[in-house]
Amino acid sequence: VLDYLLRRLRLIDRKVVIFSHWLDTLDLVQEYLNGIGRKQHYVILTGSSSDDERKICVKRFREDPSITVMLLSMKAGGCGLN
């Protein structure tokens, strides 16, 4: 399902934010995105990301058209991301 959704959304130039409470889940999604034949560029933001890393990550996601996915830990959310 994730593969289908990401391919379809990429076709219409949409970016995707995937939220998770668990870092293990984000690790699995990272493995999928890094899998053979995948062309999904992504950034990841967790609760342990520093303020500087957070700013760089958000800026890259917003401005770089090749980055189509942001993986976001729920512990990182709400800290200046809107």
C-alpha atoms as a PDB file:
ATOM      1  CA  VAL A   1       0.000   0.000   0.000  1.00  0.00           C
ATOM      2  CA  LEU A   2       2.796   2.427   0.920  1.00  0.00           C
ATOM      3  CA  ASP A   3       4.564   1.702  -2.359  1.00  0.00           C
ATOM      4  CA  TYR A   4       1.410   2.411  -4.349  1.00  0.00           C
ATOM      5  CA  LEU A   5       0.607   5.628  -2.467  1.00  0.00           C
ATOM      6  CA  LEU A   6       4.126   7.046  -2.743  1.00  0.00           C
ATOM      7  CA  ARG A   7       4.324   6.320  -6.470  1.00  0.00           C
ATOM      8  CA  ARG A   8       0.920   7.915  -7.125  1.00  0.00           C
ATOM      9  CA  LEU A   9       1.637  10.994  -5.017  1.00  0.00           C
ATOM     10  CA  ARG A  10       5.012  11.449  -6.675  1.00  0.00           C
ATOM     11  CA  LEU A  11       3.328  11.473 -10.085  1.00  0.00           C
ATOM     12  CA  ILE A  12       1.276  14.499  -9.078  1.00  0.00           C
ATOM     13  CA  ASP A  13       4.221  16.262  -7.386  1.00  0.00           C
ATOM     14  CA  ARG A  14       3.034  15.815  -3.814  1.00  0.00           C
ATOM     15  CA  LYS A  15       5.219  15.531  -0.760  1.00  0.00           C
ATOM     16  CA  VAL A  16       4.446  13.121   2.075  1.00  0.00           C
ATOM     17  CA  VAL A  17       4.984  13.318   5.834  1.00  0.00           C
ATOM     18  CA  ILE A  18       4.924   9.979   7.639  1.00  0.00           C
ATOM     19  CA  PHE A  19       4.390  10.259  11.394  1.00  0.00           C
ATOM     20  CA  SER A  20       5.098   7.522  13.907  1.00  0.00           C
ATOM     21  CA  HIS A  21       5.211   7.173  17.670  1.00  0.00           C
ATOM     22  CA  TRP A  22       7.885   4.499  17.350  1.00  0.00           C
ATOM     23  CA  LEU A  23      11.364   4.923  15.910  1.00  0.00           C
ATOM     24  CA  ASP A  24      11.377   1.224  14.991  1.00  0.00           C
ATOM     25  CA  THR A  25       8.541   1.923  12.564  1.00  0.00           C
ATOM     26  CA  LEU A  26      10.470   4.811  11.026  1.00  0.00           C
ATOM     27  CA  ASP A  27      13.485   2.497  10.714  1.00  0.00           C
ATOM     28  CA  LEU A  28      11.352   0.025   8.738  1.00  0.00           C
ATOM     29  CA  VAL A  29      10.104   2.777   6.450  1.00  0.00           C
ATOM     30  CA  GLN A  30      13.711   3.945   5.970  1.00  0.00           C
ATOM     31  CA  GLU A  31      14.705   0.415   4.938  1.00  0.00           C
ATOM     32  CA  TYR A  32      11.851   0.400   2.443  1.00  0.00           C
ATOM     33  CA  LEU A  33      12.828   3.821   1.037  1.00  0.00           C
ATOM     34  CA  ASN A  34      16.466   2.704   0.710  1.00  0.00           C
ATOM     35  CA  GLY A  35      15.448  -0.579  -0.947  1.00  0.00           C
ATOM     36  CA  ILE A  36      16.640  -1.671  -4.343  1.00  0.00           C
ATOM     37  CA  GLY A  37      14.909   0.222  -7.117  1.00  0.00           C
ATOM     38  CA  ARG A  38      13.444   2.906  -4.858  1.00  0.00           C
ATOM     39  CA  LYS A  39      13.940   6.486  -5.900  1.00  0.00           C
ATOM     40  CA  GLN A  40      12.469   8.163  -2.853  1.00  0.00           C
ATOM     41  CA  HIS A  41      14.663  10.787  -1.266  1.00  0.00           C
ATOM     42  CA  TYR A  42      13.724  11.604   2.299  1.00  0.00           C
ATOM     43  CA  VAL A  43      14.671  13.395   5.477  1.00  0.00           C
ATOM     44  CA  ILE A  44      14.101  12.174   9.013  1.00  0.00           C
ATOM     45  CA  LEU A  45      13.350  14.201  12.096  1.00  0.00           C
ATOM     46  CA  THR A  46      13.258  12.648  15.561  1.00  0.00           C
ATOM     47  CA  GLY A  47      13.016  13.916  19.107  1.00  0.00           C
ATOM     48  CA  SER A  48      16.800  13.699  19.394  1.00  0.00           C
ATOM     49  CA  SER A  49      17.377  16.082  16.454  1.00  0.00           C
ATOM     50  CA  SER A  50      19.034  19.324  17.482  1.00  0.00           C
ATOM     51  CA  ASP A  51      17.466  22.687  16.653  1.00  0.00           C
ATOM     52  CA  ASP A  52      19.995  23.215  13.865  1.00  0.00           C
ATOM     53  CA  GLU A  53      19.321  19.764  12.396  1.00  0.00           C
ATOM     54  CA  ARG A  54      15.599  20.447  12.635  1.00  0.00           C
ATOM     55  CA  LYS A  55      15.876  23.723  10.685  1.00  0.00           C
ATOM     56  CA  ILE A  56      18.056  22.151   7.996  1.00  0.00           C
ATOM     57  CA  CYS A  57      15.747  19.144   7.674  1.00  0.00           C
ATOM     58  CA  VAL A  58      12.594  21.241   7.316  1.00  0.00           C
ATOM     59  CA  LYS A  59      14.267  23.638   4.871  1.00  0.00           C
ATOM     60  CA  ARG A  60      15.510  20.761   2.689  1.00  0.00           C
ATOM     61  CA  PHE A  61      12.070  19.147   2.688  1.00  0.00           C
ATOM     62  CA  ARG A  62      10.343  22.394   1.726  1.00  0.00           C
ATOM     63  CA  GLU A  63      12.832  23.588  -0.896  1.00  0.00           C
ATOM     64  CA  ASP A  64      14.419  20.497  -2.490  1.00  0.00           C
ATOM     65  CA  PRO A  65      12.052  19.020  -5.079  1.00  0.00           C
ATOM     66  CA  SER A  66      13.897  15.686  -5.040  1.00  0.00           C
ATOM     67  CA  ILE A  67      13.025  15.118  -1.360  1.00  0.00           C
ATOM     68  CA  THR A  68       9.489  13.810  -1.398  1.00  0.00           C
ATOM     69  CA  VAL A  69       9.172  12.157   2.023  1.00  0.00           C
ATOM     70  CA  MET A  70       9.694  13.360   5.584  1.00  0.00           C
ATOM     71  CA  LEU A  71       9.809  10.780   8.346  1.00  0.00           C
ATOM     72  CA  LEU A  72       8.725  12.411  11.569  1.00  0.00           C
ATOM     73  CA  SER A  73       8.778  11.058  15.093  1.00  0.00           C
ATOM     74  CA  MET A  74       5.814  12.214  17.138  1.00  0.00           C
ATOM     75  CA  LYS A  75       8.261  13.330  19.827  1.00  0.00           C
ATOM     76  CA  ALA A  76       9.756  15.779  17.347  1.00  0.00           C
ATOM     77  CA  GLY A  77       6.402  17.208  16.295  1.00  0.00           C
ATOM     78  CA  GLY A  78       5.076  20.471  17.612  1.00  0.00           C
ATOM     79  CA  CYS A  79       8.470  22.070  18.096  1.00  0.00           C
ATOM     80  CA  GLY A  80       8.322  24.815  15.506  1.00  0.00           C
ATOM     81  CA  LEU A  81       7.229  22.604  12.623  1.00  0.00           C
ATOM     82  CA  ASN A  82       4.115  24.466  11.579  1.00  0.00           C
END
